[in-house]
Amino acid sequence: MNSRTPAASSAPGSAQPVDVRLMGDDRAVHALVAVLQQSASCGPATYKPMRDGNGTRAYLSVIVPAGPATAT
């Protein structure tokens, strides 16, 4: 079950939430999440140990801005 809620509406032409999973060294994953949260619209991250116990997985939502309108 996914307990996270989208951070923005999914109407066409609007900003879109993208669910992201990061995997790697614990310190590197935490540092990257911190940078993303400071520079982009991100939801809170959840952290879990990697299956092999050698690192961390992080899950978060990143808001991707709507692209420029295309001419038809």
N, C-alpha and C. Protein backbone atom coordinates (compact mmCIF):
# COMPACT_ATOMS: atom_id res chain seq x y z
N MET A 1 0.83 -1.17 0.00
CA MET A 1 0.00 0.00 0.00
C MET A 1 0.89 1.24 0.00
N ASN A 2 0.55 2.22 -0.81
CA ASN A 2 1.31 3.46 -0.91
C ASN A 2 0.63 4.50 -0.03
N SER A 3 1.27 4.90 1.07
CA SER A 3 0.67 5.86 1.99
C SER A 3 0.98 7.30 1.61
N ARG A 4 1.83 7.48 0.61
CA ARG A 4 2.17 8.84 0.19
C ARG A 4 1.07 9.38 -0.72
N THR A 5 0.79 10.66 -0.60
CA THR A 5 -0.20 11.29 -1.46
C THR A 5 0.51 12.18 -2.45
N PRO A 6 -0.02 12.32 -3.67
CA PRO A 6 0.62 13.21 -4.64
C PRO A 6 0.68 14.63 -4.11
N ALA A 7 1.79 15.30 -4.39
CA ALA A 7 1.98 16.65 -3.88
C ALA A 7 1.32 17.70 -4.78
N ALA A 8 0.85 17.34 -5.95
CA ALA A 8 0.21 18.30 -6.86
C ALA A 8 -0.84 17.59 -7.68
N SER A 9 -1.72 18.38 -8.29
CA SER A 9 -2.76 17.78 -9.11
C SER A 9 -2.14 17.17 -10.37
N SER A 10 -2.84 16.24 -10.96
CA SER A 10 -2.31 15.61 -12.16
C SER A 10 -3.06 16.06 -13.41
N ALA A 11 -3.62 17.26 -13.38
CA ALA A 11 -4.33 17.80 -14.54
C ALA A 11 -3.34 18.03 -15.67
N PRO A 12 -3.76 17.76 -16.92
CA PRO A 12 -2.86 17.98 -18.05
C PRO A 12 -2.34 19.42 -18.09
N GLY A 13 -1.07 19.58 -18.36
CA GLY A 13 -0.47 20.91 -18.45
C GLY A 13 -0.04 21.49 -17.12
N SER A 14 -0.31 20.79 -16.02
CA SER A 14 0.11 21.30 -14.71
C SER A 14 1.37 20.56 -14.26
N ALA A 15 1.92 21.01 -13.16
CA ALA A 15 3.07 20.32 -12.59
C ALA A 15 2.67 18.90 -12.21
N GLN A 16 3.60 17.97 -12.37
CA GLN A 16 3.31 16.56 -12.13
C GLN A 16 4.21 15.99 -11.05
N PRO A 17 3.66 15.23 -10.10
CA PRO A 17 4.52 14.55 -9.12
C PRO A 17 5.12 13.29 -9.74
N VAL A 18 6.37 13.04 -9.44
CA VAL A 18 7.06 11.84 -9.91
C VAL A 18 7.61 11.14 -8.68
N ASP A 19 7.24 9.88 -8.48
CA ASP A 19 7.78 9.11 -7.37
C ASP A 19 9.18 8.63 -7.72
N VAL A 20 10.12 8.84 -6.80
CA VAL A 20 11.53 8.54 -7.05
C VAL A 20 12.03 7.56 -5.99
N ARG A 21 12.84 6.59 -6.42
CA ARG A 21 13.51 5.69 -5.48
C ARG A 21 15.00 5.87 -5.70
N LEU A 22 15.71 6.17 -4.63
CA LEU A 22 17.16 6.32 -4.67
C LEU A 22 17.78 5.15 -3.91
N MET A 23 18.88 4.64 -4.39
CA MET A 23 19.57 3.55 -3.72
C MET A 23 21.06 3.85 -3.71
N GLY A 24 21.71 3.65 -2.57
CA GLY A 24 23.14 3.84 -2.53
C GLY A 24 23.65 3.94 -1.10
N ASP A 25 24.86 4.44 -0.97
CA ASP A 25 25.49 4.64 0.32
C ASP A 25 24.61 5.53 1.19
N ASP A 26 24.48 5.19 2.47
CA ASP A 26 23.59 5.89 3.39
C ASP A 26 23.81 7.39 3.38
N ARG A 27 25.06 7.83 3.57
CA ARG A 27 25.35 9.27 3.62
C ARG A 27 25.06 9.95 2.30
N ALA A 28 25.37 9.29 1.18
CA ALA A 28 25.14 9.88 -0.13
C ALA A 28 23.65 10.04 -0.41
N VAL A 29 22.86 9.03 -0.06
CA VAL A 29 21.41 9.10 -0.28
C VAL A 29 20.80 10.22 0.56
N HIS A 30 21.17 10.30 1.84
CA HIS A 30 20.65 11.37 2.69
C HIS A 30 21.06 12.75 2.16
N ALA A 31 22.30 12.88 1.70
CA ALA A 31 22.77 14.16 1.17
C ALA A 31 22.01 14.55 -0.09
N LEU A 32 21.79 13.59 -0.99
CA LEU A 32 21.06 13.89 -2.22
C LEU A 32 19.62 14.28 -1.93
N VAL A 33 18.97 13.58 -1.03
CA VAL A 33 17.59 13.94 -0.66
C VAL A 33 17.55 15.35 -0.09
N ALA A 34 18.50 15.70 0.76
CA ALA A 34 18.55 17.05 1.34
C ALA A 34 18.69 18.11 0.26
N VAL A 35 19.56 17.86 -0.72
CA VAL A 35 19.75 18.82 -1.82
C VAL A 35 18.48 18.93 -2.65
N LEU A 36 17.85 17.80 -2.96
CA LEU A 36 16.60 17.84 -3.73
C LEU A 36 15.52 18.61 -2.98
N GLN A 37 15.41 18.40 -1.69
CA GLN A 37 14.38 19.09 -0.92
C GLN A 37 14.64 20.59 -0.84
N GLN A 38 15.89 21.01 -0.92
CA GLN A 38 16.20 22.44 -0.88
C GLN A 38 16.02 23.10 -2.24
N SER A 39 16.25 22.35 -3.33
CA SER A 39 16.25 22.98 -4.65
C SER A 39 15.00 22.69 -5.48
N ALA A 40 14.19 21.73 -5.07
CA ALA A 40 13.01 21.36 -5.85
C ALA A 40 11.84 21.17 -4.89
N SER A 41 10.66 21.08 -5.47
CA SER A 41 9.48 20.80 -4.66
C SER A 41 9.40 19.30 -4.45
N CYS A 42 9.77 18.85 -3.26
CA CYS A 42 9.78 17.43 -2.94
C CYS A 42 8.96 17.17 -1.69
N GLY A 43 8.34 16.03 -1.68
CA GLY A 43 7.65 15.59 -0.48
C GLY A 43 8.67 15.04 0.49
N PRO A 44 8.21 14.67 1.68
CA PRO A 44 9.13 14.06 2.64
C PRO A 44 9.63 12.72 2.14
N ALA A 45 10.83 12.36 2.51
CA ALA A 45 11.42 11.09 2.08
C ALA A 45 11.23 10.04 3.17
N THR A 46 11.07 8.80 2.74
CA THR A 46 11.11 7.68 3.67
C THR A 46 12.37 6.91 3.36
N TYR A 47 13.04 6.43 4.39
CA TYR A 47 14.30 5.72 4.24
C TYR A 47 14.14 4.28 4.72
N LYS A 48 14.74 3.36 3.99
CA LYS A 48 14.75 1.95 4.37
C LYS A 48 16.11 1.37 4.04
N PRO A 49 16.57 0.39 4.82
CA PRO A 49 17.84 -0.25 4.47
C PRO A 49 17.71 -1.02 3.17
N MET A 50 18.80 -1.09 2.41
CA MET A 50 18.77 -1.89 1.18
C MET A 50 18.66 -3.35 1.55
N ARG A 51 18.16 -4.15 0.65
CA ARG A 51 17.92 -5.56 0.92
C ARG A 51 19.18 -6.31 1.34
N ASP A 52 20.32 -5.92 0.76
CA ASP A 52 21.56 -6.61 1.13
C ASP A 52 22.20 -6.01 2.38
N GLY A 53 21.57 -4.98 2.95
CA GLY A 53 22.09 -4.36 4.16
C GLY A 53 23.28 -3.46 3.93
N ASN A 54 23.62 -3.17 2.68
CA ASN A 54 24.81 -2.39 2.36
C ASN A 54 24.42 -1.04 1.75
N GLY A 55 23.61 -0.26 2.47
CA GLY A 55 23.21 1.03 1.95
C GLY A 55 21.78 1.36 2.34
N THR A 56 21.24 2.38 1.69
CA THR A 56 19.91 2.89 2.02
C THR A 56 19.10 3.10 0.75
N ARG A 57 17.80 2.86 0.89
CA ARG A 57 16.83 3.22 -0.15
C ARG A 57 16.03 4.40 0.37
N ALA A 58 15.77 5.37 -0.48
CA ALA A 58 14.93 6.51 -0.11
C ALA A 58 13.83 6.63 -1.15
N TYR A 59 12.63 6.96 -0.69
CA TYR A 59 11.47 7.15 -1.56
C TYR A 59 10.93 8.54 -1.31
N LEU A 60 10.69 9.30 -2.38
CA LEU A 60 10.12 10.63 -2.25
C LEU A 60 9.42 11.01 -3.54
N SER A 61 8.62 12.04 -3.48
CA SER A 61 7.96 12.57 -4.67
C SER A 61 8.60 13.90 -5.03
N VAL A 62 8.88 14.06 -6.30
CA VAL A 62 9.46 15.30 -6.83
C VAL A 62 8.44 15.91 -7.78
N ILE A 63 8.21 17.21 -7.66
CA ILE A 63 7.27 17.89 -8.55
C ILE A 63 8.02 18.36 -9.78
N VAL A 64 7.58 17.88 -10.94
CA VAL A 64 8.18 18.26 -12.21
C VAL A 64 7.32 19.36 -12.82
N PRO A 65 7.91 20.55 -13.05
CA PRO A 65 7.12 21.65 -13.61
C PRO A 65 6.55 21.30 -14.98
N ALA A 66 5.42 21.89 -15.29
CA ALA A 66 4.82 21.70 -16.61
C ALA A 66 5.75 22.27 -17.66
N GLY A 67 5.86 21.59 -18.77
CA GLY A 67 6.69 22.07 -19.88
C GLY A 67 6.03 23.22 -20.60
N PRO A 68 6.77 23.90 -21.45
CA PRO A 68 6.17 25.00 -22.21
C PRO A 68 5.10 24.48 -23.15
N ALA A 69 4.12 25.30 -23.40
CA ALA A 69 3.03 24.91 -24.31
C ALA A 69 3.60 24.71 -25.71
N THR A 70 3.12 23.69 -26.39
CA THR A 70 3.57 23.44 -27.76
C THR A 70 2.57 24.03 -28.75
N ALA A 71 3.09 24.58 -29.83
CA ALA A 71 2.22 25.16 -30.87
C ALA A 71 1.62 24.04 -31.70
N THR A 72 0.35 24.22 -32.07
CA THR A 72 -0.30 23.22 -32.90
C THR A 72 -0.65 23.74 -34.25
